[in-house]
Amino acid sequence: MIQLTIITPDQKIFEGEVEEATFPGANGSFQVLKNHAALVSALTKGAVSYTTKEGKKVHVIDGGVVEVNDNKVVLLAEKVIG
C-alpha cells in the first residue's frame, strides 16, 4: 500500500492508504504504484484518482505538485475544484 496525502493551502483533503494513484502530470497523466521510484512532478488542472479499500475516488485539482518517495505520496494542490 501507498500512504497518500492530498492537501491544499487551507485544508487536508485526504490522508490514508491507497493501492494506486493517478495524477494529471504536465506531460500527460501518470500512475503511481507501490515501490514507485522517487519523483517530484508539476501537475496541471485535471483529475486525481486513487483506489482505497472502499473503492475508487476522484478529485479535480487546479494544478499543483506531487512528491513520491518511499511509498509516501504528497500532493500539494493549488485548489480542489471537484
N, C-alpha and C. Protein backbone atom coordinates (compact mmCIF):
# COMPACT_ATOMS: atom_id res chain seq x y z
N MET A 1 0.85 -1.20 0.00
CA MET A 1 0.00 0.00 0.00
C MET A 1 0.89 1.25 0.00
N ILE A 2 0.29 2.33 -0.45
CA ILE A 2 0.97 3.63 -0.52
C ILE A 2 0.26 4.57 0.44
N GLN A 3 1.02 5.40 1.15
CA GLN A 3 0.43 6.42 2.02
C GLN A 3 0.25 7.69 1.19
N LEU A 4 -0.99 8.10 0.96
CA LEU A 4 -1.29 9.28 0.15
C LEU A 4 -1.83 10.40 1.02
N THR A 5 -1.29 11.59 0.82
CA THR A 5 -1.79 12.80 1.49
C THR A 5 -2.08 13.83 0.40
N ILE A 6 -3.29 14.38 0.43
CA ILE A 6 -3.67 15.45 -0.51
C ILE A 6 -4.02 16.67 0.32
N ILE A 7 -3.26 17.76 0.10
CA ILE A 7 -3.52 18.99 0.86
C ILE A 7 -3.57 20.19 -0.07
N THR A 8 -4.33 21.19 0.35
CA THR A 8 -4.39 22.49 -0.31
C THR A 8 -3.86 23.51 0.70
N PRO A 9 -3.68 24.76 0.30
CA PRO A 9 -3.20 25.75 1.27
C PRO A 9 -4.10 25.90 2.49
N ASP A 10 -5.38 25.55 2.38
CA ASP A 10 -6.27 25.78 3.52
C ASP A 10 -6.87 24.54 4.16
N GLN A 11 -6.67 23.34 3.58
CA GLN A 11 -7.22 22.15 4.23
C GLN A 11 -6.58 20.86 3.74
N LYS A 12 -6.74 19.80 4.56
CA LYS A 12 -6.30 18.47 4.16
C LYS A 12 -7.51 17.79 3.52
N ILE A 13 -7.36 17.34 2.28
CA ILE A 13 -8.46 16.73 1.53
C ILE A 13 -8.56 15.24 1.81
N PHE A 14 -7.41 14.57 1.87
CA PHE A 14 -7.39 13.12 2.08
C PHE A 14 -6.06 12.71 2.68
N GLU A 15 -6.13 11.72 3.57
CA GLU A 15 -4.92 11.08 4.07
C GLU A 15 -5.25 9.64 4.38
N GLY A 16 -4.49 8.72 3.78
CA GLY A 16 -4.75 7.31 4.03
C GLY A 16 -4.00 6.42 3.07
N GLU A 17 -4.27 5.11 3.19
CA GLU A 17 -3.59 4.13 2.35
C GLU A 17 -4.35 3.90 1.06
N VAL A 18 -3.62 3.84 -0.04
CA VAL A 18 -4.22 3.59 -1.34
C VAL A 18 -3.42 2.50 -2.06
N GLU A 19 -4.08 1.82 -3.00
CA GLU A 19 -3.41 0.80 -3.80
C GLU A 19 -2.65 1.43 -4.96
N GLU A 20 -3.22 2.50 -5.53
CA GLU A 20 -2.60 3.22 -6.65
C GLU A 20 -3.16 4.62 -6.68
N ALA A 21 -2.47 5.49 -7.41
CA ALA A 21 -2.97 6.86 -7.58
C ALA A 21 -2.54 7.34 -8.97
N THR A 22 -3.43 8.11 -9.62
CA THR A 22 -3.15 8.64 -10.95
C THR A 22 -3.24 10.16 -10.90
N PHE A 23 -2.25 10.83 -11.53
CA PHE A 23 -2.13 12.28 -11.45
C PHE A 23 -2.07 12.90 -12.84
N PRO A 24 -2.59 14.15 -12.99
CA PRO A 24 -2.51 14.86 -14.28
C PRO A 24 -1.17 15.59 -14.42
N GLY A 25 -0.16 14.88 -14.86
CA GLY A 25 1.18 15.46 -15.00
C GLY A 25 1.24 16.49 -16.11
N ALA A 26 2.22 17.36 -16.04
CA ALA A 26 2.39 18.41 -17.06
C ALA A 26 2.61 17.81 -18.44
N ASN A 27 3.18 16.60 -18.51
CA ASN A 27 3.43 15.95 -19.80
C ASN A 27 2.51 14.75 -20.02
N GLY A 28 1.34 14.76 -19.39
CA GLY A 28 0.40 13.64 -19.50
C GLY A 28 0.20 12.97 -18.17
N SER A 29 -0.90 12.25 -18.05
CA SER A 29 -1.20 11.63 -16.76
C SER A 29 -0.27 10.45 -16.51
N PHE A 30 -0.04 10.15 -15.23
CA PHE A 30 0.81 9.03 -14.85
C PHE A 30 0.28 8.40 -13.58
N GLN A 31 0.61 7.13 -13.43
CA GLN A 31 0.12 6.36 -12.28
C GLN A 31 1.29 6.03 -11.36
N VAL A 32 1.00 6.01 -10.05
CA VAL A 32 1.99 5.63 -9.05
C VAL A 32 1.49 4.35 -8.38
N LEU A 33 2.35 3.35 -8.36
CA LEU A 33 2.06 2.08 -7.69
C LEU A 33 3.06 1.89 -6.56
N LYS A 34 2.85 0.84 -5.75
CA LYS A 34 3.76 0.54 -4.65
C LYS A 34 5.18 0.40 -5.17
N ASN A 35 6.14 0.90 -4.39
CA ASN A 35 7.58 0.84 -4.71
C ASN A 35 7.96 1.64 -5.96
N HIS A 36 7.19 2.69 -6.26
CA HIS A 36 7.50 3.57 -7.39
C HIS A 36 8.80 4.31 -7.10
N ALA A 37 9.55 4.60 -8.15
CA ALA A 37 10.78 5.39 -8.00
C ALA A 37 10.44 6.78 -7.46
N ALA A 38 11.36 7.37 -6.73
CA ALA A 38 11.16 8.71 -6.19
C ALA A 38 11.04 9.71 -7.33
N LEU A 39 10.12 10.66 -7.19
CA LEU A 39 9.98 11.71 -8.20
C LEU A 39 9.26 12.90 -7.61
N VAL A 40 9.48 14.04 -8.26
CA VAL A 40 8.72 15.25 -7.99
C VAL A 40 8.21 15.73 -9.34
N SER A 41 6.89 16.02 -9.43
CA SER A 41 6.33 16.42 -10.73
C SER A 41 5.34 17.56 -10.57
N ALA A 42 5.38 18.49 -11.52
CA ALA A 42 4.36 19.53 -11.58
C ALA A 42 3.09 18.91 -12.15
N LEU A 43 1.94 19.39 -11.67
CA LEU A 43 0.66 18.89 -12.14
C LEU A 43 -0.13 20.01 -12.79
N THR A 44 -0.95 19.64 -13.78
CA THR A 44 -1.83 20.60 -14.43
C THR A 44 -3.24 20.41 -13.90
N LYS A 45 -4.16 21.24 -14.35
CA LYS A 45 -5.56 21.08 -13.99
C LYS A 45 -6.04 19.74 -14.52
N GLY A 46 -6.71 18.97 -13.68
CA GLY A 46 -7.21 17.68 -14.12
C GLY A 46 -7.63 16.81 -12.95
N ALA A 47 -7.92 15.55 -13.27
CA ALA A 47 -8.43 14.61 -12.27
C ALA A 47 -7.30 13.85 -11.59
N VAL A 48 -7.41 13.77 -10.26
CA VAL A 48 -6.55 12.90 -9.46
C VAL A 48 -7.45 11.77 -9.00
N SER A 49 -7.06 10.54 -9.29
CA SER A 49 -7.85 9.40 -8.83
C SER A 49 -6.98 8.47 -8.01
N TYR A 50 -7.62 7.76 -7.08
CA TYR A 50 -6.89 6.80 -6.26
C TYR A 50 -7.85 5.73 -5.78
N THR A 51 -7.30 4.55 -5.48
CA THR A 51 -8.12 3.42 -5.06
C THR A 51 -7.82 3.08 -3.61
N THR A 52 -8.86 3.13 -2.78
CA THR A 52 -8.76 2.75 -1.38
C THR A 52 -9.47 1.41 -1.21
N LYS A 53 -9.47 0.92 0.03
CA LYS A 53 -10.21 -0.32 0.31
C LYS A 53 -11.70 -0.15 0.00
N GLU A 54 -12.21 1.08 0.11
CA GLU A 54 -13.63 1.35 -0.13
C GLU A 54 -13.94 1.53 -1.63
N GLY A 55 -12.91 1.66 -2.46
CA GLY A 55 -13.15 1.83 -3.89
C GLY A 55 -12.41 3.03 -4.44
N LYS A 56 -12.75 3.39 -5.68
CA LYS A 56 -12.05 4.46 -6.39
C LYS A 56 -12.64 5.82 -6.03
N LYS A 57 -11.76 6.80 -5.84
CA LYS A 57 -12.19 8.17 -5.55
C LYS A 57 -11.50 9.10 -6.54
N VAL A 58 -12.18 10.22 -6.87
CA VAL A 58 -11.63 11.16 -7.84
C VAL A 58 -11.83 12.59 -7.32
N HIS A 59 -10.79 13.41 -7.46
CA HIS A 59 -10.87 14.84 -7.17
C HIS A 59 -10.33 15.58 -8.40
N VAL A 60 -10.91 16.73 -8.72
CA VAL A 60 -10.36 17.56 -9.80
C VAL A 60 -9.57 18.68 -9.13
N ILE A 61 -8.30 18.81 -9.55
CA ILE A 61 -7.45 19.85 -8.96
C ILE A 61 -7.14 20.91 -10.01
N ASP A 62 -6.75 22.08 -9.51
CA ASP A 62 -6.39 23.20 -10.39
C ASP A 62 -4.87 23.38 -10.36
N GLY A 63 -4.14 22.30 -10.62
CA GLY A 63 -2.68 22.35 -10.63
C GLY A 63 -2.08 22.07 -9.27
N GLY A 64 -0.76 21.85 -9.27
CA GLY A 64 -0.07 21.60 -8.02
C GLY A 64 1.23 20.86 -8.26
N VAL A 65 1.73 20.22 -7.20
CA VAL A 65 2.98 19.47 -7.24
C VAL A 65 2.77 18.17 -6.47
N VAL A 66 3.34 17.08 -6.98
CA VAL A 66 3.29 15.81 -6.26
C VAL A 66 4.71 15.32 -6.02
N GLU A 67 4.93 14.77 -4.82
CA GLU A 67 6.22 14.17 -4.48
C GLU A 67 5.98 12.71 -4.11
N VAL A 68 6.77 11.82 -4.71
CA VAL A 68 6.71 10.39 -4.42
C VAL A 68 8.05 9.99 -3.85
N ASN A 69 8.03 9.35 -2.66
CA ASN A 69 9.28 8.91 -2.05
C ASN A 69 8.97 7.82 -1.03
N ASP A 70 9.54 6.63 -1.24
CA ASP A 70 9.47 5.54 -0.26
C ASP A 70 8.03 5.17 0.10
N ASN A 71 7.19 4.98 -0.91
CA ASN A 71 5.77 4.61 -0.74
C ASN A 71 4.95 5.66 0.00
N LYS A 72 5.44 6.89 0.03
CA LYS A 72 4.66 8.02 0.55
C LYS A 72 4.48 9.00 -0.59
N VAL A 73 3.24 9.43 -0.80
CA VAL A 73 2.92 10.37 -1.87
C VAL A 73 2.26 11.58 -1.25
N VAL A 74 2.82 12.76 -1.50
CA VAL A 74 2.24 14.01 -1.00
C VAL A 74 1.86 14.88 -2.19
N LEU A 75 0.59 15.22 -2.28
CA LEU A 75 0.08 16.09 -3.34
C LEU A 75 -0.24 17.44 -2.73
N LEU A 76 0.46 18.49 -3.20
CA LEU A 76 0.18 19.85 -2.79
C LEU A 76 -0.62 20.48 -3.93
N ALA A 77 -1.92 20.55 -3.76
CA ALA A 77 -2.81 21.07 -4.81
C ALA A 77 -3.06 22.54 -4.59
N GLU A 78 -3.06 23.32 -5.67
CA GLU A 78 -3.39 24.74 -5.55
C GLU A 78 -4.82 24.89 -5.01
N LYS A 79 -5.75 24.13 -5.60
CA LYS A 79 -7.08 24.01 -5.01
C LYS A 79 -7.79 22.82 -5.62
N VAL A 80 -8.75 22.29 -4.86
CA VAL A 80 -9.57 21.18 -5.35
C VAL A 80 -10.88 21.79 -5.80
N ILE A 81 -11.25 21.56 -7.08
CA ILE A 81 -12.43 22.20 -7.63
C ILE A 81 -13.57 21.21 -7.90
N GLY A 82 -13.37 19.97 -7.53
CA GLY A 82 -14.44 19.00 -7.71
C GLY A 82 -14.07 17.64 -7.19
